Amino acid sequence: MDSLVGSSLQVVLEIKEGSGFSFLNHPLIVVAALNGSKLESSVIKPENCPQFDTQLLWQSEKKYLRRLRTGNTALKIECFAVIKDNKRDRLGYILLNLKEAQIIPRNSSIAASNPGTH
């Protein structure tokens, strides 16, 4: 992290697709929270393997992000079915430890590694 240039960094959560959603007949939405700051995806139509194709982005200062990582802060990602009148039914959630996130310099040609390719 020390090798990153500048004091402003971005935390990027990229969600490509899902699997096993054939039981749903309502649209989906993903809500991600990092230390109380929530972002949400657009509404995704229901299907067995939905194409979320979503990027959620938080701006952060390097010092603040370092503090979050050493404090074992987790990124909470929740998936909801959107019921009529914008009511939401939570389907589930996962917690991603920020300490395990890849750090990639902003203007780097390095792509994020896919865990399935190791």
PDB file of N, CA and C in Angstrom:
ATOM      1  N   MET A   1       0.819  -1.188   0.000  1.00  0.00           N
ATOM      2  CA  MET A   1       0.000   0.000   0.000  1.00  0.00           C
ATOM      3  C   MET A   1       0.864   1.254   0.000  1.00  0.00           C
ATOM      4  N   ASP A   2       2.039   1.150   0.594  1.00  0.00           N
ATOM      5  CA  ASP A   2       2.942   2.292   0.642  1.00  0.00           C
ATOM      6  C   ASP A   2       3.430   2.688  -0.747  1.00  0.00           C
ATOM      7  N   SER A   3       3.439   1.741  -1.674  1.00  0.00           N
ATOM      8  CA  SER A   3       3.932   2.031  -3.016  1.00  0.00           C
ATOM      9  C   SER A   3       2.913   2.784  -3.870  1.00  0.00           C
ATOM     10  N   LEU A   4       1.690   2.920  -3.390  1.00  0.00           N
ATOM     11  CA  LEU A   4       0.669   3.622  -4.152  1.00  0.00           C
ATOM     12  C   LEU A   4       0.924   5.118  -4.122  1.00  0.00           C
ATOM     13  N   VAL A   5       0.806   5.759  -5.267  1.00  0.00           N
ATOM     14  CA  VAL A   5       1.067   7.189  -5.400  1.00  0.00           C
ATOM     15  C   VAL A   5      -0.197   7.975  -5.055  1.00  0.00           C
ATOM     16  N   GLY A   6      -0.034   9.080  -4.368  1.00  0.00           N
ATOM     17  CA  GLY A   6      -1.157   9.951  -4.037  1.00  0.00           C
ATOM     18  C   GLY A   6      -1.812   9.561  -2.733  1.00  0.00           C
ATOM     19  N   SER A   7      -2.593  10.490  -2.200  1.00  0.00           N
ATOM     20  CA  SER A   7      -3.243  10.218  -0.915  1.00  0.00           C
ATOM     21  C   SER A   7      -4.691   9.774  -1.081  1.00  0.00           C
ATOM     22  N   SER A   8      -5.250   9.910  -2.277  1.00  0.00           N
ATOM     23  CA  SER A   8      -6.634   9.523  -2.526  1.00  0.00           C
ATOM     24  C   SER A   8      -6.678   8.194  -3.276  1.00  0.00           C
ATOM     25  N   LEU A   9      -7.434   7.247  -2.733  1.00  0.00           N
ATOM     26  CA  LEU A   9      -7.559   5.923  -3.336  1.00  0.00           C
ATOM     27  C   LEU A   9      -9.020   5.586  -3.573  1.00  0.00           C
ATOM     28  N   GLN A  10      -9.249   4.529  -4.336  1.00  0.00           N
ATOM     29  CA  GLN A  10     -10.602   4.052  -4.583  1.00  0.00           C
ATOM     30  C   GLN A  10     -10.706   2.592  -4.166  1.00  0.00           C
ATOM     31  N   VAL A  11     -11.827   2.257  -3.566  1.00  0.00           N
ATOM     32  CA  VAL A  11     -12.157   0.862  -3.274  1.00  0.00           C
ATOM     33  C   VAL A  11     -13.235   0.505  -4.292  1.00  0.00           C
ATOM     34  N   VAL A  12     -12.965  -0.512  -5.097  1.00  0.00           N
ATOM     35  CA  VAL A  12     -13.878  -0.898  -6.170  1.00  0.00           C
ATOM     36  C   VAL A  12     -14.372  -2.315  -5.935  1.00  0.00           C
ATOM     37  N   LEU A  13     -15.679  -2.476  -5.937  1.00  0.00           N
ATOM     38  CA  LEU A  13     -16.305  -3.789  -5.877  1.00  0.00           C
ATOM     39  C   LEU A  13     -16.943  -4.027  -7.233  1.00  0.00           C
ATOM     40  N   GLU A  14     -16.482  -5.067  -7.911  1.00  0.00           N
ATOM     41  CA  GLU A  14     -17.021  -5.387  -9.228  1.00  0.00           C
ATOM     42  C   GLU A  14     -17.739  -6.725  -9.146  1.00  0.00           C
ATOM     43  N   ILE A  15     -19.021  -6.710  -9.500  1.00  0.00           N
ATOM     44  CA  ILE A  15     -19.847  -7.926  -9.478  1.00  0.00           C
ATOM     45  C   ILE A  15     -20.254  -8.211 -10.908  1.00  0.00           C
ATOM     46  N   LYS A  16     -19.829  -9.355 -11.422  1.00  0.00           N
ATOM     47  CA  LYS A  16     -20.089  -9.709 -12.817  1.00  0.00           C
ATOM     48  C   LYS A  16     -21.433 -10.418 -13.000  1.00  0.00           C
ATOM     49  N   GLU A  17     -21.585 -11.570 -12.353  1.00  0.00           N
ATOM     50  CA  GLU A  17     -22.791 -12.365 -12.559  1.00  0.00           C
ATOM     51  C   GLU A  17     -23.083 -13.207 -11.331  1.00  0.00           C
ATOM     52  N   GLY A  18     -24.266 -13.780 -11.313  1.00  0.00           N
ATOM     53  CA  GLY A  18     -24.679 -14.636 -10.207  1.00  0.00           C
ATOM     54  C   GLY A  18     -25.076 -16.003 -10.725  1.00  0.00           C
ATOM     55  N   SER A  19     -25.387 -16.889  -9.808  1.00  0.00           N
ATOM     56  CA  SER A  19     -25.791 -18.237 -10.168  1.00  0.00           C
ATOM     57  C   SER A  19     -26.762 -18.759  -9.119  1.00  0.00           C
ATOM     58  N   GLY A  20     -27.723 -19.564  -9.555  1.00  0.00           N
ATOM     59  CA  GLY A  20     -28.645 -20.204  -8.625  1.00  0.00           C
ATOM     60  C   GLY A  20     -29.803 -19.318  -8.192  1.00  0.00           C
ATOM     61  N   PHE A  21     -30.212 -18.406  -9.032  1.00  0.00           N
ATOM     62  CA  PHE A  21     -31.319 -17.512  -8.700  1.00  0.00           C
ATOM     63  C   PHE A  21     -32.614 -17.904  -9.410  1.00  0.00           C
ATOM     64  N   SER A  22     -32.721 -19.142  -9.889  1.00  0.00           N
ATOM     65  CA  SER A  22     -33.892 -19.567 -10.661  1.00  0.00           C
ATOM     66  C   SER A  22     -35.179 -19.553  -9.845  1.00  0.00           C
ATOM     67  N   PHE A  23     -35.086 -19.593  -8.517  1.00  0.00           N
ATOM     68  CA  PHE A  23     -36.264 -19.594  -7.655  1.00  0.00           C
ATOM     69  C   PHE A  23     -36.938 -18.214  -7.589  1.00  0.00           C
ATOM     70  N   LEU A  24     -36.275 -17.180  -8.073  1.00  0.00           N
ATOM     71  CA  LEU A  24     -36.810 -15.818  -7.959  1.00  0.00           C
ATOM     72  C   LEU A  24     -37.681 -15.427  -9.133  1.00  0.00           C
ATOM     73  N   ASN A  25     -38.718 -14.661  -8.842  1.00  0.00           N
ATOM     74  CA  ASN A  25     -39.504 -14.055  -9.919  1.00  0.00           C
ATOM     75  C   ASN A  25     -39.636 -12.552  -9.691  1.00  0.00           C
ATOM     76  N   HIS A  26     -38.789 -12.008  -8.808  1.00  0.00           N
ATOM     77  CA  HIS A  26     -38.740 -10.565  -8.560  1.00  0.00           C
ATOM     78  C   HIS A  26     -37.359 -10.047  -8.950  1.00  0.00           C
ATOM     79  N   PRO A  27     -37.268  -8.772  -9.326  1.00  0.00           N
ATOM     80  CA  PRO A  27     -35.956  -8.190  -9.645  1.00  0.00           C
ATOM     81  C   PRO A  27     -35.032  -8.211  -8.423  1.00  0.00           C
ATOM     82  N   LEU A  28     -33.735  -8.119  -8.690  1.00  0.00           N
ATOM     83  CA  LEU A  28     -32.713  -8.144  -7.650  1.00  0.00           C
ATOM     84  C   LEU A  28     -32.026  -6.786  -7.531  1.00  0.00           C
ATOM     85  N   ILE A  29     -31.441  -6.555  -6.364  1.00  0.00           N
ATOM     86  CA  ILE A  29     -30.597  -5.385  -6.158  1.00  0.00           C
ATOM     87  C   ILE A  29     -29.496  -5.794  -5.183  1.00  0.00           C
ATOM     88  N   VAL A  30     -28.301  -5.267  -5.389  1.00  0.00           N
ATOM     89  CA  VAL A  30     -27.174  -5.531  -4.503  1.00  0.00           C
ATOM     90  C   VAL A  30     -26.850  -4.236  -3.761  1.00  0.00           C
ATOM     91  N   VAL A  31     -26.705  -4.338  -2.441  1.00  0.00           N
ATOM     92  CA  VAL A  31     -26.332  -3.191  -1.604  1.00  0.00           C
ATOM     93  C   VAL A  31     -25.025  -3.559  -0.909  1.00  0.00           C
ATOM     94  N   ALA A  32     -24.029  -2.698  -1.038  1.00  0.00           N
ATOM     95  CA  ALA A  32     -22.736  -2.944  -0.399  1.00  0.00           C
ATOM     96  C   ALA A  32     -22.429  -1.793   0.546  1.00  0.00           C
ATOM     97  N   ALA A  33     -21.940  -2.135   1.730  1.00  0.00           N
ATOM     98  CA  ALA A  33     -21.627  -1.124   2.744  1.00  0.00           C
ATOM     99  C   ALA A  33     -20.181  -1.265   3.183  1.00  0.00           C
ATOM    100  N   LEU A  34     -19.483  -0.135   3.196  1.00  0.00           N
ATOM    101  CA  LEU A  34     -18.112  -0.072   3.686  1.00  0.00           C
ATOM    102  C   LEU A  34     -18.069   0.958   4.798  1.00  0.00           C
ATOM    103  N   ASN A  35     -17.923   0.492   6.018  1.00  0.00           N
ATOM    104  CA  ASN A  35     -17.835   1.351   7.202  1.00  0.00           C
ATOM    105  C   ASN A  35     -18.985   2.361   7.268  1.00  0.00           C
ATOM    106  N   GLY A  36     -20.209   1.902   6.970  1.00  0.00           N
ATOM    107  CA  GLY A  36     -21.394   2.739   7.069  1.00  0.00           C
ATOM    108  C   GLY A  36     -21.794   3.456   5.796  1.00  0.00           C
ATOM    109  N   SER A  37     -20.919   3.496   4.797  1.00  0.00           N
ATOM    110  CA  SER A  37     -21.228   4.145   3.526  1.00  0.00           C
ATOM    111  C   SER A  37     -21.791   3.102   2.560  1.00  0.00           C
ATOM    112  N   LYS A  38     -23.080   3.242   2.206  1.00  0.00           N
ATOM    113  CA  LYS A  38     -23.758   2.248   1.370  1.00  0.00           C
ATOM    114  C   LYS A  38     -23.871   2.708  -0.082  1.00  0.00           C
ATOM    115  N   LEU A  39     -23.674   1.747  -0.972  1.00  0.00           N
ATOM    116  CA  LEU A  39     -23.886   1.949  -2.408  1.00  0.00           C
ATOM    117  C   LEU A  39     -24.766   0.812  -2.895  1.00  0.00           C
ATOM    118  N   GLU A  40     -25.557   1.066  -3.947  1.00  0.00           N
ATOM    119  CA  GLU A  40     -26.394  -0.009  -4.478  1.00  0.00           C
ATOM    120  C   GLU A  40     -26.335  -0.080  -5.983  1.00  0.00           C
ATOM    121  N   SER A  41     -26.565  -1.279  -6.474  1.00  0.00           N
ATOM    122  CA  SER A  41     -26.590  -1.520  -7.915  1.00  0.00           C
ATOM    123  C   SER A  41     -27.918  -1.045  -8.480  1.00  0.00           C
ATOM    124  N   SER A  42     -27.985  -1.032  -9.773  1.00  0.00           N
ATOM    125  CA  SER A  42     -29.283  -0.803 -10.398  1.00  0.00           C
ATOM    126  C   SER A  42     -30.084  -2.099 -10.267  1.00  0.00           C
ATOM    127  N   VAL A  43     -31.351  -2.059 -10.584  1.00  0.00           N
ATOM    128  CA  VAL A  43     -32.221  -3.235 -10.476  1.00  0.00           C
ATOM    129  C   VAL A  43     -31.873  -4.213 -11.597  1.00  0.00           C
ATOM    130  N   ILE A  44     -31.744  -5.474 -11.236  1.00  0.00           N
ATOM    131  CA  ILE A  44     -31.385  -6.526 -12.181  1.00  0.00           C
ATOM    132  C   ILE A  44     -32.576  -7.450 -12.368  1.00  0.00           C
ATOM    133  N   LYS A  45     -32.892  -7.757 -13.616  1.00  0.00           N
ATOM    134  CA  LYS A  45     -34.042  -8.624 -13.878  1.00  0.00           C
ATOM    135  C   LYS A  45     -33.783 -10.033 -13.368  1.00  0.00           C
ATOM    136  N   PRO A  46     -34.849 -10.701 -12.917  1.00  0.00           N
ATOM    137  CA  PRO A  46     -34.678 -12.048 -12.359  1.00  0.00           C
ATOM    138  C   PRO A  46     -34.411 -13.090 -13.449  1.00  0.00           C
ATOM    139  N   GLU A  47     -33.409 -13.916 -13.228  1.00  0.00           N
ATOM    140  CA  GLU A  47     -33.107 -15.058 -14.090  1.00  0.00           C
ATOM    141  C   GLU A  47     -32.166 -15.983 -13.337  1.00  0.00           C
ATOM    142  N   ASN A  48     -31.959 -17.194 -13.832  1.00  0.00           N
ATOM    143  CA  ASN A  48     -31.133 -18.179 -13.144  1.00  0.00           C
ATOM    144  C   ASN A  48     -29.707 -17.674 -12.913  1.00  0.00           C
ATOM    145  N   CYS A  49     -29.090 -17.092 -13.920  1.00  0.00           N
ATOM    146  CA  CYS A  49     -27.726 -16.549 -13.822  1.00  0.00           C
ATOM    147  C   CYS A  49     -27.755 -15.068 -14.187  1.00  0.00           C
ATOM    148  N   PRO A  50     -28.188 -14.213 -13.259  1.00  0.00           N
ATOM    149  CA  PRO A  50     -28.311 -12.784 -13.583  1.00  0.00           C
ATOM    150  C   PRO A  50     -26.962 -12.147 -13.899  1.00  0.00           C
ATOM    151  N   GLN A  51     -26.961 -11.242 -14.855  1.00  0.00           N
ATOM    152  CA  GLN A  51     -25.768 -10.495 -15.238  1.00  0.00           C
ATOM    153  C   GLN A  51     -25.778  -9.177 -14.470  1.00  0.00           C
ATOM    154  N   PHE A  52     -25.128  -9.148 -13.325  1.00  0.00           N
ATOM    155  CA  PHE A  52     -25.104  -7.944 -12.497  1.00  0.00           C
ATOM    156  C   PHE A  52     -24.298  -6.845 -13.185  1.00  0.00           C
ATOM    157  N   ASP A  53     -23.129  -7.205 -13.687  1.00  0.00           N
ATOM    158  CA  ASP A  53     -22.256  -6.279 -14.408  1.00  0.00           C
ATOM    159  C   ASP A  53     -22.233  -4.904 -13.730  1.00  0.00           C
ATOM    160  N   THR A  54     -21.886  -4.899 -12.441  1.00  0.00           N
ATOM    161  CA  THR A  54     -21.969  -3.715 -11.595  1.00  0.00           C
ATOM    162  C   THR A  54     -20.620  -3.380 -10.995  1.00  0.00           C
ATOM    163  N   GLN A  55     -20.305  -2.101 -10.950  1.00  0.00           N
ATOM    164  CA  GLN A  55     -19.126  -1.618 -10.241  1.00  0.00           C
ATOM    165  C   GLN A  55     -19.583  -0.606  -9.204  1.00  0.00           C
ATOM    166  N   LEU A  56     -19.239  -0.855  -7.951  1.00  0.00           N
ATOM    167  CA  LEU A  56     -19.526   0.085  -6.874  1.00  0.00           C
ATOM    168  C   LEU A  56     -18.187   0.639  -6.412  1.00  0.00           C
ATOM    169  N   LEU A  57     -18.111   1.952  -6.212  1.00  0.00           N
ATOM    170  CA  LEU A  57     -16.832   2.616  -5.993  1.00  0.00           C
ATOM    171  C   LEU A  57     -16.902   3.576  -4.818  1.00  0.00           C
ATOM    172  N   TRP A  58     -15.962   3.417  -3.896  1.00  0.00           N
ATOM    173  CA  TRP A  58     -15.833   4.325  -2.751  1.00  0.00           C
ATOM    174  C   TRP A  58     -14.523   5.081  -2.881  1.00  0.00           C
ATOM    175  N   GLN A  59     -14.528   6.368  -2.615  1.00  0.00           N
ATOM    176  CA  GLN A  59     -13.308   7.189  -2.562  1.00  0.00           C
ATOM    177  C   GLN A  59     -12.792   7.155  -1.137  1.00  0.00           C
ATOM    178  N   SER A  60     -11.484   7.103  -0.969  1.00  0.00           N
ATOM    179  CA  SER A  60     -10.921   7.046   0.372  1.00  0.00           C
ATOM    180  C   SER A  60      -9.534   7.666   0.386  1.00  0.00           C
ATOM    181  N   GLU A  61      -9.171   8.196   1.528  1.00  0.00           N
ATOM    182  CA  GLU A  61      -7.799   8.650   1.741  1.00  0.00           C
ATOM    183  C   GLU A  61      -6.962   7.430   2.110  1.00  0.00           C
ATOM    184  N   LYS A  62      -5.711   7.438   1.711  1.00  0.00           N
ATOM    185  CA  LYS A  62      -4.822   6.302   1.959  1.00  0.00           C
ATOM    186  C   LYS A  62      -4.735   5.979   3.460  1.00  0.00           C
ATOM    187  N   LYS A  63      -4.593   7.000   4.291  1.00  0.00           N
ATOM    188  CA  LYS A  63      -4.482   6.777   5.737  1.00  0.00           C
ATOM    189  C   LYS A  63      -5.743   6.122   6.295  1.00  0.00           C
ATOM    190  N   TYR A  64      -6.908   6.590   5.832  1.00  0.00           N
ATOM    191  CA  TYR A  64      -8.179   6.046   6.310  1.00  0.00           C
ATOM    192  C   TYR A  64      -8.337   4.592   5.865  1.00  0.00           C
ATOM    193  N   LEU A  65      -7.996   4.314   4.624  1.00  0.00           N
ATOM    194  CA  LEU A  65      -8.098   2.953   4.103  1.00  0.00           C
ATOM    195  C   LEU A  65      -7.142   2.021   4.844  1.00  0.00           C
ATOM    196  N   ARG A  66      -5.954   2.489   5.149  1.00  0.00           N
ATOM    197  CA  ARG A  66      -5.000   1.685   5.916  1.00  0.00           C
ATOM    198  C   ARG A  66      -5.581   1.351   7.293  1.00  0.00           C
ATOM    199  N   ARG A  67      -6.223   2.339   7.918  1.00  0.00           N
ATOM    200  CA  ARG A  67      -6.843   2.126   9.231  1.00  0.00           C
ATOM    201  C   ARG A  67      -7.958   1.078   9.140  1.00  0.00           C
ATOM    202  N   LEU A  68      -8.767   1.158   8.077  1.00  0.00           N
ATOM    203  CA  LEU A  68      -9.838   0.172   7.893  1.00  0.00           C
ATOM    204  C   LEU A  68      -9.273  -1.233   7.705  1.00  0.00           C
ATOM    205  N   ARG A  69      -8.216  -1.341   6.926  1.00  0.00           N
ATOM    206  CA  ARG A  69      -7.609  -2.655   6.666  1.00  0.00           C
ATOM    207  C   ARG A  69      -6.990  -3.252   7.923  1.00  0.00           C
ATOM    208  N   THR A  70      -6.266  -2.458   8.703  1.00  0.00           N
ATOM    209  CA  THR A  70      -5.652  -2.987   9.921  1.00  0.00           C
ATOM    210  C   THR A  70      -6.695  -3.272  10.995  1.00  0.00           C
ATOM    211  N   GLY A  71      -7.842  -2.617  10.934  1.00  0.00           N
ATOM    212  CA  GLY A  71      -8.926  -2.860  11.882  1.00  0.00           C
ATOM    213  C   GLY A  71      -9.827  -4.006  11.480  1.00  0.00           C
ATOM    214  N   ASN A  72      -9.434  -4.766  10.447  1.00  0.00           N
ATOM    215  CA  ASN A  72     -10.223  -5.900   9.949  1.00  0.00           C
ATOM    216  C   ASN A  72     -11.649  -5.513   9.573  1.00  0.00           C
ATOM    217  N   THR A  73     -11.807  -4.351   8.995  1.00  0.00           N
ATOM    218  CA  THR A  73     -13.119  -3.905   8.537  1.00  0.00           C
ATOM    219  C   THR A  73     -13.567  -4.777   7.366  1.00  0.00           C
ATOM    220  N   ALA A  74     -14.839  -5.114   7.355  1.00  0.00           N
ATOM    221  CA  ALA A  74     -15.384  -5.947   6.284  1.00  0.00           C
ATOM    222  C   ALA A  74     -16.298  -5.127   5.382  1.00  0.00           C
ATOM    223  N   LEU A  75     -16.324  -5.506   4.136  1.00  0.00           N
ATOM    224  CA  LEU A  75     -17.256  -4.964   3.161  1.00  0.00           C
ATOM    225  C   LEU A  75     -18.462  -5.889   3.193  1.00  0.00           C
ATOM    226  N   LYS A  76     -19.638  -5.366   3.540  1.00  0.00           N
ATOM    227  CA  LYS A  76     -20.845  -6.189   3.625  1.00  0.00           C
ATOM    228  C   LYS A  76     -21.621  -6.048   2.324  1.00  0.00           C
ATOM    229  N   ILE A  77     -21.879  -7.184   1.690  1.00  0.00           N
ATOM    230  CA  ILE A  77     -22.588  -7.205   0.410  1.00  0.00           C
ATOM    231  C   ILE A  77     -23.879  -7.979   0.615  1.00  0.00           C
ATOM    232  N   GLU A  78     -25.020  -7.299   0.395  1.00  0.00           N
ATOM    233  CA  GLU A  78     -26.332  -7.916   0.588  1.00  0.00           C
ATOM    234  C   GLU A  78     -27.057  -7.988  -0.751  1.00  0.00           C
ATOM    235  N   CYS A  79     -27.809  -9.049  -0.930  1.00  0.00           N
ATOM    236  CA  CYS A  79     -28.618  -9.220  -2.129  1.00  0.00           C
ATOM    237  C   CYS A  79     -30.084  -9.233  -1.713  1.00  0.00           C
ATOM    238  N   PHE A  80     -30.891  -8.420  -2.389  1.00  0.00           N
ATOM    239  CA  PHE A  80     -32.309  -8.295  -2.075  1.00  0.00           C
ATOM    240  C   PHE A  80     -33.161  -8.596  -3.291  1.00  0.00           C
ATOM    241  N   ALA A  81     -34.326  -9.180  -3.045  1.00  0.00           N
ATOM    242  CA  ALA A  81     -35.378  -9.256  -4.061  1.00  0.00           C
ATOM    243  C   ALA A  81     -36.238  -8.017  -3.849  1.00  0.00           C
ATOM    244  N   VAL A  82     -36.544  -7.315  -4.935  1.00  0.00           N
ATOM    245  CA  VAL A  82     -37.353  -6.097  -4.840  1.00  0.00           C
ATOM    246  C   VAL A  82     -38.814  -6.482  -5.060  1.00  0.00           C
ATOM    247  N   ILE A  83     -39.592  -6.366  -3.989  1.00  0.00           N
ATOM    248  CA  ILE A  83     -41.015  -6.695  -4.024  1.00  0.00           C
ATOM    249  C   ILE A  83     -41.780  -5.418  -4.385  1.00  0.00           C
ATOM    250  N   LYS A  84     -43.064  -5.524  -4.671  1.00  0.00           N
ATOM    251  CA  LYS A  84     -43.847  -4.353  -5.064  1.00  0.00           C
ATOM    252  C   LYS A  84     -43.728  -3.216  -4.047  1.00  0.00           C
ATOM    253  N   ASP A  85     -43.925  -2.006  -4.507  1.00  0.00           N
ATOM    254  CA  ASP A  85     -43.819  -0.780  -3.709  1.00  0.00           C
ATOM    255  C   ASP A  85     -42.429  -0.596  -3.112  1.00  0.00           C
ATOM    256  N   ASN A  86     -41.394  -1.063  -3.831  1.00  0.00           N
ATOM    257  CA  ASN A  86     -39.989  -0.919  -3.428  1.00  0.00           C
ATOM    258  C   ASN A  86     -39.642  -1.568  -2.090  1.00  0.00           C
ATOM    259  N   LYS A  87     -40.477  -2.485  -1.604  1.00  0.00           N
ATOM    260  CA  LYS A  87     -40.121  -3.253  -0.411  1.00  0.00           C
ATOM    261  C   LYS A  87     -39.076  -4.278  -0.818  1.00  0.00           C
ATOM    262  N   ARG A  88     -38.149  -4.564   0.088  1.00  0.00           N
ATOM    263  CA  ARG A  88     -37.060  -5.475  -0.220  1.00  0.00           C
ATOM    264  C   ARG A  88     -37.064  -6.672   0.726  1.00  0.00           C
ATOM    265  N   ASP A  89     -36.773  -7.821   0.155  1.00  0.00           N
ATOM    266  CA  ASP A  89     -36.657  -9.052   0.920  1.00  0.00           C
ATOM    267  C   ASP A  89     -35.204  -9.517   0.810  1.00  0.00           C
ATOM    268  N   ARG A  90     -34.478  -9.507   1.931  1.00  0.00           N
ATOM    269  CA  ARG A  90     -33.060  -9.873   1.887  1.00  0.00           C
ATOM    270  C   ARG A  90     -32.917 -11.364   1.631  1.00  0.00           C
ATOM    271  N   LEU A  91     -32.156 -11.689   0.597  1.00  0.00           N
ATOM    272  CA  LEU A  91     -31.899 -13.077   0.225  1.00  0.00           C
ATOM    273  C   LEU A  91     -30.679 -13.632   0.945  1.00  0.00           C
ATOM    274  N   GLY A  92     -29.728 -12.756   1.235  1.00  0.00           N
ATOM    275  CA  GLY A  92     -28.517 -13.193   1.908  1.00  0.00           C
ATOM    276  C   GLY A  92     -27.450 -12.125   1.831  1.00  0.00           C
ATOM    277  N   TYR A  93     -26.327 -12.400   2.477  1.00  0.00           N
ATOM    278  CA  TYR A  93     -25.219 -11.452   2.453  1.00  0.00           C
ATOM    279  C   TYR A  93     -23.903 -12.191   2.622  1.00  0.00           C
ATOM    280  N   ILE A  94     -22.820 -11.512   2.253  1.00  0.00           N
ATOM    281  CA  ILE A  94     -21.478 -12.017   2.513  1.00  0.00           C
ATOM    282  C   ILE A  94     -20.649 -10.864   3.065  1.00  0.00           C
ATOM    283  N   LEU A  95     -19.641 -11.224   3.830  1.00  0.00           N
ATOM    284  CA  LEU A  95     -18.705 -10.247   4.366  1.00  0.00           C
ATOM    285  C   LEU A  95     -17.344 -10.505   3.728  1.00  0.00           C
ATOM    286  N   LEU A  96     -16.763  -9.460   3.139  1.00  0.00           N
ATOM    287  CA  LEU A  96     -15.433  -9.567   2.558  1.00  0.00           C
ATOM    288  C   LEU A  96     -14.480  -8.723   3.384  1.00  0.00           C
ATOM    289  N   ASN A  97     -13.456  -9.359   3.928  1.00  0.00           N
ATOM    290  CA  ASN A  97     -12.484  -8.654   4.742  1.00  0.00           C
ATOM    291  C   ASN A  97     -11.659  -7.736   3.848  1.00  0.00           C
ATOM    292  N   LEU A  98     -11.628  -6.469   4.170  1.00  0.00           N
ATOM    293  CA  LEU A  98     -10.906  -5.481   3.377  1.00  0.00           C
ATOM    294  C   LEU A  98      -9.408  -5.772   3.354  1.00  0.00           C
ATOM    295  N   LYS A  99      -8.914  -6.434   4.374  1.00  0.00           N
ATOM    296  CA  LYS A  99      -7.490  -6.784   4.440  1.00  0.00           C
ATOM    297  C   LYS A  99      -7.114  -7.735   3.306  1.00  0.00           C
ATOM    298  N   GLU A 100      -8.074  -8.504   2.823  1.00  0.00           N
ATOM    299  CA  GLU A 100      -7.814  -9.478   1.758  1.00  0.00           C
ATOM    300  C   GLU A 100      -7.971  -8.880   0.362  1.00  0.00           C
ATOM    301  N   ALA A 101      -8.363  -7.627   0.261  1.00  0.00           N
ATOM    302  CA  ALA A 101      -8.592  -6.995  -1.050  1.00  0.00           C
ATOM    303  C   ALA A 101      -7.273  -6.751  -1.775  1.00  0.00           C
ATOM    304  N   GLN A 102      -7.318  -6.851  -3.095  1.00  0.00           N
ATOM    305  CA  GLN A 102      -6.149  -6.549  -3.909  1.00  0.00           C
ATOM    306  C   GLN A 102      -5.933  -5.038  -3.950  1.00  0.00           C
ATOM    307  N   ILE A 103      -4.682  -4.641  -3.907  1.00  0.00           N
ATOM    308  CA  ILE A 103      -4.325  -3.231  -4.042  1.00  0.00           C
ATOM    309  C   ILE A 103      -3.662  -3.080  -5.411  1.00  0.00           C
ATOM    310  N   ILE A 104      -4.267  -2.274  -6.263  1.00  0.00           N
ATOM    311  CA  ILE A 104      -3.759  -2.066  -7.612  1.00  0.00           C
ATOM    312  C   ILE A 104      -3.605  -0.570  -7.825  1.00  0.00           C
ATOM    313  N   PRO A 105      -2.417  -0.110  -8.208  1.00  0.00           N
ATOM    314  CA  PRO A 105      -2.247   1.321  -8.488  1.00  0.00           C
ATOM    315  C   PRO A 105      -3.212   1.783  -9.574  1.00  0.00           C
ATOM    316  N   ARG A 106      -3.635   3.046  -9.478  1.00  0.00           N
ATOM    317  CA  ARG A 106      -4.676   3.587 -10.342  1.00  0.00           C
ATOM    318  C   ARG A 106      -4.361   3.449 -11.831  1.00  0.00           C
ATOM    319  N   ASN A 107      -3.211   3.866 -12.293  1.00  0.00           N
ATOM    320  CA  ASN A 107      -2.889   3.834 -13.727  1.00  0.00           C
ATOM    321  C   ASN A 107      -2.077   2.600 -14.092  1.00  0.00           C
ATOM    322  N   SER A 108      -2.383   1.498 -13.466  1.00  0.00           N
ATOM    323  CA  SER A 108      -1.634   0.272 -13.682  1.00  0.00           C
ATOM    324  C   SER A 108      -2.251  -0.560 -14.793  1.00  0.00           C
ATOM    325  N   SER A 109      -1.396  -1.299 -15.478  1.00  0.00           N
ATOM    326  CA  SER A 109      -1.895  -2.229 -16.499  1.00  0.00           C
ATOM    327  C   SER A 109      -2.178  -3.593 -15.884  1.00  0.00           C
ATOM    328  N   ILE A 110      -1.959  -3.707 -14.579  1.00  0.00           N
ATOM    329  CA  ILE A 110      -2.220  -4.966 -13.872  1.00  0.00           C
ATOM    330  C   ILE A 110      -3.726  -5.132 -13.701  1.00  0.00           C
ATOM    331  N   ALA A 111      -4.247  -6.267 -14.109  1.00  0.00           N
ATOM    332  CA  ALA A 111      -5.669  -6.549 -13.935  1.00  0.00           C
ATOM    333  C   ALA A 111      -5.864  -7.276 -12.612  1.00  0.00           C
ATOM    334  N   ALA A 112      -7.034  -7.097 -12.036  1.00  0.00           N
ATOM    335  CA  ALA A 112      -7.363  -7.829 -10.801  1.00  0.00           C
ATOM    336  C   ALA A 112      -7.390  -9.309 -11.125  1.00  0.00           C
ATOM    337  N   SER A 113      -6.836 -10.097 -10.234  1.00  0.00           N
ATOM    338  CA  SER A 113      -6.813 -11.542 -10.489  1.00  0.00           C
ATOM    339  C   SER A 113      -8.164 -12.144 -10.157  1.00  0.00           C
ATOM    340  N   ASN A 114      -8.519 -13.153 -10.895  1.00  0.00           N
ATOM    341  CA  ASN A 114      -9.753 -13.879 -10.690  1.00  0.00           C
ATOM    342  C   ASN A 114      -9.439 -15.062  -9.794  1.00  0.00           C
ATOM    343  N   PRO A 115     -10.086 -15.173  -8.634  1.00  0.00           N
ATOM    344  CA  PRO A 115      -9.773 -16.265  -7.706  1.00  0.00           C
ATOM    345  C   PRO A 115      -9.901 -17.651  -8.347  1.00  0.00           C
ATOM    346  N   GLY A 116     -10.728 -17.789  -9.339  1.00  0.00           N
ATOM    347  CA  GLY A 116     -10.917 -19.081  -9.982  1.00  0.00           C
ATOM    348  C   GLY A 116      -9.796 -19.461 -10.933  1.00  0.00           C
ATOM    349  N   THR A 117      -8.840 -18.548 -11.185  1.00  0.00           N
ATOM    350  CA  THR A 117      -7.782 -18.832 -12.146  1.00  0.00           C
ATOM    351  C   THR A 117      -6.457 -19.170 -11.496  1.00  0.00           C
ATOM    352  N   HIS A 118      -6.393 -19.223 -10.166  1.00  0.00           N
ATOM    353  CA  HIS A 118      -5.129 -19.525  -9.490  1.00  0.00           C
ATOM    354  C   HIS A 118      -4.849 -20.993  -9.487  1.00  0.00           C
TER     355      HIS A 118
END
